[in-house]
N, C-alpha and C. Protein backbone atom coordinates (compact mmCIF):
# COMPACT_ATOMS: atom_id res chain seq x y z
N MET A 1 66.63 92.54 12.66
CA MET A 1 67.60 93.41 12.31
C MET A 1 67.57 93.77 10.79
N LYS A 2 67.92 94.84 10.31
CA LYS A 2 68.15 95.13 9.03
C LYS A 2 69.38 96.17 8.93
N VAL A 3 70.10 95.98 7.84
CA VAL A 3 71.08 96.75 7.55
C VAL A 3 71.04 97.51 6.25
N THR A 4 71.18 98.62 6.14
CA THR A 4 70.94 99.29 4.68
C THR A 4 71.97 100.52 4.64
N SER A 5 72.29 101.07 3.50
CA SER A 5 73.06 102.33 3.24
C SER A 5 72.37 103.43 2.62
N PHE A 6 72.49 104.70 3.10
CA PHE A 6 71.98 105.86 2.36
C PHE A 6 72.82 106.20 1.13
N LEU A 7 73.79 105.62 0.87
CA LEU A 7 74.86 105.70 -0.35
C LEU A 7 74.42 104.99 -1.21
N GLU A 8 73.94 103.91 -1.11
CA GLU A 8 74.07 102.79 -2.38
C GLU A 8 72.60 102.84 -3.14
N ASN A 9 72.64 102.54 -4.24
CA ASN A 9 71.47 102.49 -4.82
C ASN A 9 70.82 103.48 -5.12
N ILE A 10 71.79 104.85 -5.37
CA ILE A 10 70.79 106.38 -5.45
C ILE A 10 70.23 106.43 -6.67
N LYS A 11 68.95 106.97 -6.85
CA LYS A 11 68.51 107.17 -8.04
C LYS A 11 67.67 108.43 -7.77
N PHE A 12 68.09 109.45 -8.76
CA PHE A 12 67.78 110.49 -8.88
C PHE A 12 66.44 110.78 -9.79
N ASN A 13 65.66 111.78 -9.58
CA ASN A 13 64.54 112.12 -10.35
C ASN A 13 64.58 113.41 -10.97
N ASP A 14 64.44 113.51 -12.02
CA ASP A 14 64.87 114.79 -12.85
C ASP A 14 63.98 115.81 -12.73
N LEU A 15 62.75 115.48 -12.20
CA LEU A 15 61.45 116.31 -11.95
C LEU A 15 61.44 116.87 -10.50
N LYS A 16 61.67 116.03 -9.52
CA LYS A 16 61.28 116.13 -8.26
C LYS A 16 62.28 115.52 -7.25
N PRO A 17 62.32 115.63 -5.86
CA PRO A 17 62.88 114.90 -4.90
C PRO A 17 62.55 113.48 -5.08
N ALA A 18 63.56 112.28 -4.75
CA ALA A 18 63.25 110.99 -4.93
C ALA A 18 63.18 110.51 -3.43
N LEU A 19 62.08 110.03 -2.93
CA LEU A 19 62.11 109.49 -1.59
C LEU A 19 62.02 108.02 -1.68
N SER A 20 62.62 107.45 -0.81
CA SER A 20 62.72 105.93 -0.28
C SER A 20 62.77 105.57 1.26
N LEU A 21 61.82 104.82 1.73
CA LEU A 21 61.81 104.46 3.10
C LEU A 21 63.04 103.24 3.17
N MET A 22 63.93 103.68 4.32
CA MET A 22 65.24 103.01 4.16
C MET A 22 65.17 102.01 5.24
N LEU A 23 64.40 102.36 6.53
CA LEU A 23 64.02 101.35 7.69
C LEU A 23 62.99 101.96 8.40
N ASP A 24 62.13 100.77 8.56
CA ASP A 24 60.95 101.08 9.48
C ASP A 24 61.20 100.37 10.55
N THR A 25 61.43 100.82 11.85
CA THR A 25 61.86 100.42 13.07
C THR A 25 60.49 100.73 14.06
N ASP A 26 60.78 100.09 15.24
CA ASP A 26 60.00 100.02 16.23
C ASP A 26 59.40 101.44 16.60
N PHE A 27 60.33 102.45 16.63
CA PHE A 27 60.16 103.76 16.97
C PHE A 27 60.20 104.93 15.98
N SER A 28 60.68 104.59 14.70
CA SER A 28 60.93 105.52 13.80
C SER A 28 61.01 105.08 12.39
N LYS A 29 60.71 105.97 11.43
CA LYS A 29 60.98 105.51 9.85
C LYS A 29 61.93 106.31 9.28
N GLU A 30 62.91 105.97 8.80
CA GLU A 30 64.10 106.30 8.53
C GLU A 30 63.79 106.56 6.93
N ILE A 31 63.93 107.58 6.14
CA ILE A 31 63.79 108.15 5.09
C ILE A 31 64.67 108.56 4.51
N ARG A 32 65.28 108.09 3.10
CA ARG A 32 66.03 108.92 2.30
C ARG A 32 65.46 109.97 1.34
N ILE A 33 65.70 110.91 1.23
CA ILE A 33 65.24 112.17 0.24
C ILE A 33 66.52 112.48 -0.73
N VAL A 34 66.61 112.05 -1.97
CA VAL A 34 67.42 112.47 -2.92
C VAL A 34 67.22 113.49 -3.93
N PHE A 35 67.81 114.78 -3.86
CA PHE A 35 67.75 116.10 -4.68
C PHE A 35 68.78 115.97 -5.38
N LYS A 36 68.28 116.55 -6.59
CA LYS A 36 68.92 116.98 -7.89
C LYS A 36 69.25 118.80 -7.43
N LYS A 37 70.56 119.03 -8.03
CA LYS A 37 70.56 120.80 -7.57
C LYS A 37 69.23 121.60 -7.89
N GLY A 38 68.90 122.34 -7.16
CA GLY A 38 67.82 123.01 -7.44
C GLY A 38 66.35 122.73 -7.26
N GLN A 39 66.12 121.45 -6.85
CA GLN A 39 64.96 120.82 -6.50
C GLN A 39 64.60 121.48 -5.13
N VAL A 40 63.54 121.39 -4.67
CA VAL A 40 62.98 121.84 -3.53
C VAL A 40 61.83 121.20 -2.88
N MET A 41 61.64 121.20 -1.53
CA MET A 41 60.44 120.97 -0.93
C MET A 41 59.85 122.26 -0.18
N GLU A 42 58.69 122.56 -0.83
CA GLU A 42 58.24 123.84 -0.36
C GLU A 42 57.57 124.03 0.97
N ASP A 43 57.23 125.10 1.49
CA ASP A 43 56.68 125.22 2.99
C ASP A 43 55.88 124.12 3.45
N HIS A 44 56.45 123.43 4.66
CA HIS A 44 55.43 122.52 5.15
C HIS A 44 55.65 122.39 6.54
N GLN A 45 54.89 121.38 7.23
CA GLN A 45 55.30 120.92 8.46
C GLN A 45 54.89 119.86 8.79
N ALA A 46 55.40 119.36 9.79
CA ALA A 46 55.23 117.58 10.52
C ALA A 46 54.35 117.74 11.67
N PRO A 47 53.46 116.73 11.83
CA PRO A 47 52.71 116.60 12.94
C PRO A 47 53.41 116.21 14.30
N PHE A 48 54.50 115.75 14.07
CA PHE A 48 55.35 115.21 15.03
C PHE A 48 56.79 115.68 15.02
N ALA A 49 57.68 115.62 15.91
CA ALA A 49 58.88 116.11 15.78
C ALA A 49 59.56 115.30 14.67
N ILE A 50 60.67 115.80 13.94
CA ILE A 50 61.38 115.31 12.91
C ILE A 50 63.04 115.62 13.20
N ILE A 51 63.65 114.71 12.43
CA ILE A 51 65.33 115.10 12.58
C ILE A 51 65.60 114.98 10.97
N VAL A 52 66.31 115.73 10.61
CA VAL A 52 66.74 115.87 9.19
C VAL A 52 68.44 115.90 9.08
N GLN A 53 68.96 115.13 8.46
CA GLN A 53 70.45 115.18 8.33
C GLN A 53 70.84 115.11 6.85
N VAL A 54 71.91 115.95 6.35
CA VAL A 54 72.48 115.93 5.15
C VAL A 54 73.39 114.95 5.09
N ILE A 55 73.51 113.94 4.37
CA ILE A 55 74.47 112.77 4.28
C ILE A 55 75.51 113.13 3.28
N GLN A 56 74.98 113.79 2.15
CA GLN A 56 75.86 114.06 1.18
C GLN A 56 75.26 115.50 0.44
N GLY A 57 75.99 116.38 0.16
CA GLY A 57 75.76 117.63 -0.50
C GLY A 57 75.45 118.64 0.35
N ALA A 58 74.52 119.81 -0.07
CA ALA A 58 74.52 120.90 0.75
C ALA A 58 72.76 121.27 0.33
N ILE A 59 72.20 121.80 1.51
CA ILE A 59 70.72 122.46 1.19
C ILE A 59 70.70 123.92 2.18
N ASP A 60 69.83 124.49 1.30
CA ASP A 60 69.37 125.58 2.23
C ASP A 60 67.94 125.39 3.03
N PHE A 61 68.21 125.14 4.33
CA PHE A 61 67.18 124.89 5.25
C PHE A 61 66.26 126.13 5.78
N GLY A 62 65.26 126.40 5.23
CA GLY A 62 64.46 127.77 5.72
C GLY A 62 63.65 127.23 6.98
N VAL A 63 63.72 127.83 8.29
CA VAL A 63 62.99 127.87 9.10
C VAL A 63 62.88 129.27 10.06
N ASN A 64 61.84 129.43 10.50
CA ASN A 64 61.64 130.45 11.32
C ASN A 64 62.26 131.89 10.96
N ASN A 65 61.77 132.02 9.67
CA ASN A 65 62.12 133.27 8.73
C ASN A 65 63.70 133.38 8.67
N GLU A 66 64.29 132.35 8.55
CA GLU A 66 65.74 132.27 8.19
C GLU A 66 66.19 131.33 7.54
N THR A 67 67.23 131.26 6.82
CA THR A 67 67.62 130.00 5.88
C THR A 67 69.17 129.62 6.61
N ILE A 68 69.20 128.45 6.81
CA ILE A 68 70.70 127.90 7.53
C ILE A 68 71.00 126.93 6.29
N VAL A 69 72.11 126.99 6.00
CA VAL A 69 72.82 126.15 5.05
C VAL A 69 73.31 125.00 5.83
N LEU A 70 72.89 124.02 5.50
CA LEU A 70 73.12 122.36 5.81
C LEU A 70 74.06 121.74 5.05
N LYS A 71 75.35 121.30 5.47
CA LYS A 71 76.12 120.76 4.49
C LYS A 71 76.24 119.15 5.04
N SER A 72 77.03 118.35 4.12
CA SER A 72 77.31 116.83 4.49
C SER A 72 77.80 116.75 6.06
N GLY A 73 76.88 115.83 6.80
CA GLY A 73 77.27 115.57 8.00
C GLY A 73 76.36 116.37 9.21
N ASP A 74 75.73 117.62 8.64
CA ASP A 74 75.04 118.46 9.34
C ASP A 74 73.64 117.77 9.72
N ILE A 75 73.05 118.11 10.94
CA ILE A 75 71.64 117.49 11.35
C ILE A 75 70.95 118.47 12.22
N ILE A 76 69.70 118.64 11.98
CA ILE A 76 68.93 119.54 12.78
C ILE A 76 67.35 118.76 13.29
N SER A 77 67.10 119.38 14.27
CA SER A 77 65.60 118.88 14.78
C SER A 77 64.81 119.76 14.88
N LEU A 78 63.58 119.45 14.64
CA LEU A 78 62.54 120.45 14.71
C LEU A 78 61.26 119.88 15.70
N LYS A 79 60.50 120.67 16.26
CA LYS A 79 59.39 120.36 16.96
C LYS A 79 58.37 120.04 16.19
N PRO A 80 57.16 119.63 16.51
CA PRO A 80 56.18 119.58 15.49
C PRO A 80 55.51 120.81 15.53
N GLN A 81 54.79 120.84 14.07
CA GLN A 81 54.12 122.17 13.47
C GLN A 81 55.00 123.33 13.24
N ILE A 82 56.49 123.03 12.81
CA ILE A 82 57.19 124.11 12.63
C ILE A 82 57.56 124.07 11.08
N VAL A 83 56.98 125.29 10.54
CA VAL A 83 56.91 125.21 9.09
C VAL A 83 58.30 125.57 8.84
N HIS A 84 58.93 124.49 7.71
CA HIS A 84 60.03 124.56 7.10
C HIS A 84 60.07 124.51 5.63
N ASN A 85 61.13 124.66 4.79
CA ASN A 85 61.17 124.28 3.69
C ASN A 85 62.70 123.62 3.30
N LEU A 86 63.10 122.99 2.08
CA LEU A 86 64.50 122.80 1.69
C LEU A 86 64.72 123.01 0.22
N ASN A 87 65.76 123.47 -0.20
CA ASN A 87 66.32 124.11 -1.44
C ASN A 87 67.74 123.45 -1.63
N ALA A 88 68.02 122.19 -2.42
CA ALA A 88 69.25 121.68 -2.92
C ALA A 88 70.23 122.98 -3.31
N LEU A 89 71.12 123.03 -2.58
CA LEU A 89 72.24 124.04 -3.21
C LEU A 89 73.34 123.14 -4.41
N GLU A 90 73.29 121.69 -4.36
CA GLU A 90 73.92 120.53 -5.37
C GLU A 90 73.22 119.53 -4.99
N ASP A 91 73.42 118.59 -5.84
CA ASP A 91 73.07 117.21 -5.68
C ASP A 91 73.23 116.57 -4.24
N SER A 92 72.19 116.13 -3.64
CA SER A 92 72.25 115.87 -2.08
C SER A 92 71.35 114.68 -1.85
N ILE A 93 71.78 113.96 -0.71
CA ILE A 93 71.20 112.84 -0.12
C ILE A 93 70.95 113.61 1.39
N VAL A 94 69.59 113.07 1.72
CA VAL A 94 69.15 113.63 2.80
C VAL A 94 68.28 112.62 3.56
N ARG A 95 68.88 112.48 4.88
CA ARG A 95 68.16 111.53 5.80
C ARG A 95 66.98 112.43 6.70
N LEU A 96 65.67 111.84 6.61
CA LEU A 96 64.64 112.28 7.33
C LEU A 96 64.25 111.11 8.38
N THR A 97 63.91 111.56 9.92
CA THR A 97 63.69 110.33 10.50
C THR A 97 62.22 111.10 11.03
N LEU A 98 61.31 110.32 10.79
CA LEU A 98 60.07 110.73 11.27
C LEU A 98 59.56 109.54 12.65
N SER A 99 58.55 110.22 13.36
CA SER A 99 58.05 109.31 14.22
C SER A 99 57.24 108.26 13.52
N LYS A 100 57.35 107.14 14.47
CA LYS A 100 56.62 105.87 14.02
C LYS A 100 55.35 106.13 13.58
N THR A 101 54.54 107.33 14.04
CA THR A 101 53.15 107.31 13.95
C THR A 101 53.11 108.24 12.75
N ASP A 102 54.01 108.81 12.11
CA ASP A 102 53.80 109.73 11.12
C ASP A 102 53.61 108.92 9.98
N LYS A 103 53.23 109.50 8.78
CA LYS A 103 52.85 108.93 7.41
C LYS A 103 53.84 109.37 6.35
N ILE A 104 54.47 108.34 5.58
CA ILE A 104 55.20 108.67 4.64
C ILE A 104 54.31 109.37 3.45
N LYS A 105 53.11 108.96 3.40
CA LYS A 105 52.37 109.66 2.22
C LYS A 105 52.29 111.16 2.69
N ARG A 106 52.34 111.48 3.63
CA ARG A 106 52.51 112.90 4.08
C ARG A 106 53.46 113.77 3.39
N VAL A 107 54.80 113.14 3.44
CA VAL A 107 55.83 113.58 3.11
C VAL A 107 55.57 113.34 1.46
N GLU A 108 55.15 112.42 0.91
CA GLU A 108 55.06 112.29 -0.55
C GLU A 108 54.18 113.50 -1.19
N LYS A 109 53.26 113.81 -0.23
CA LYS A 109 52.21 114.80 -0.87
C LYS A 109 53.21 116.03 -1.08
N VAL A 110 54.22 116.63 0.07
CA VAL A 110 54.83 117.71 0.08
C VAL A 110 55.57 117.63 -1.32
N ILE A 111 56.61 116.40 -1.32
CA ILE A 111 57.38 116.46 -2.72
C ILE A 111 56.37 116.76 -4.02
N ASN A 112 55.19 116.14 -4.04
CA ASN A 112 54.20 116.19 -5.18
C ASN A 112 53.44 117.31 -5.54
N LYS A 113 54.04 118.25 -4.47
CA LYS A 113 53.28 119.86 -4.79
C LYS A 113 53.65 120.38 -5.89
């Protein structure tokens, strides 16, 4: 058993969103992505289904040629291979749930684009 908090030890990166692995469970990887206002994750897709939850803040979530404003507490799920992007409307903390078989390095590559 492991207990962690998405709201503690927050470290923003001035140049790009900051990624932290919070939990690595038997069935998922729980990742925190911390955005400063204006930071983006350009169009990308995941090989497996994902869940994105805004813990704090607000983001524009682009998917299927539309933009959805997700704010604190909002959550969205995507099927595999759905192209999407994120743009922080304010400083934000986002929880990304990946399949256990997905790779954190893939997400790091998206952030480093």
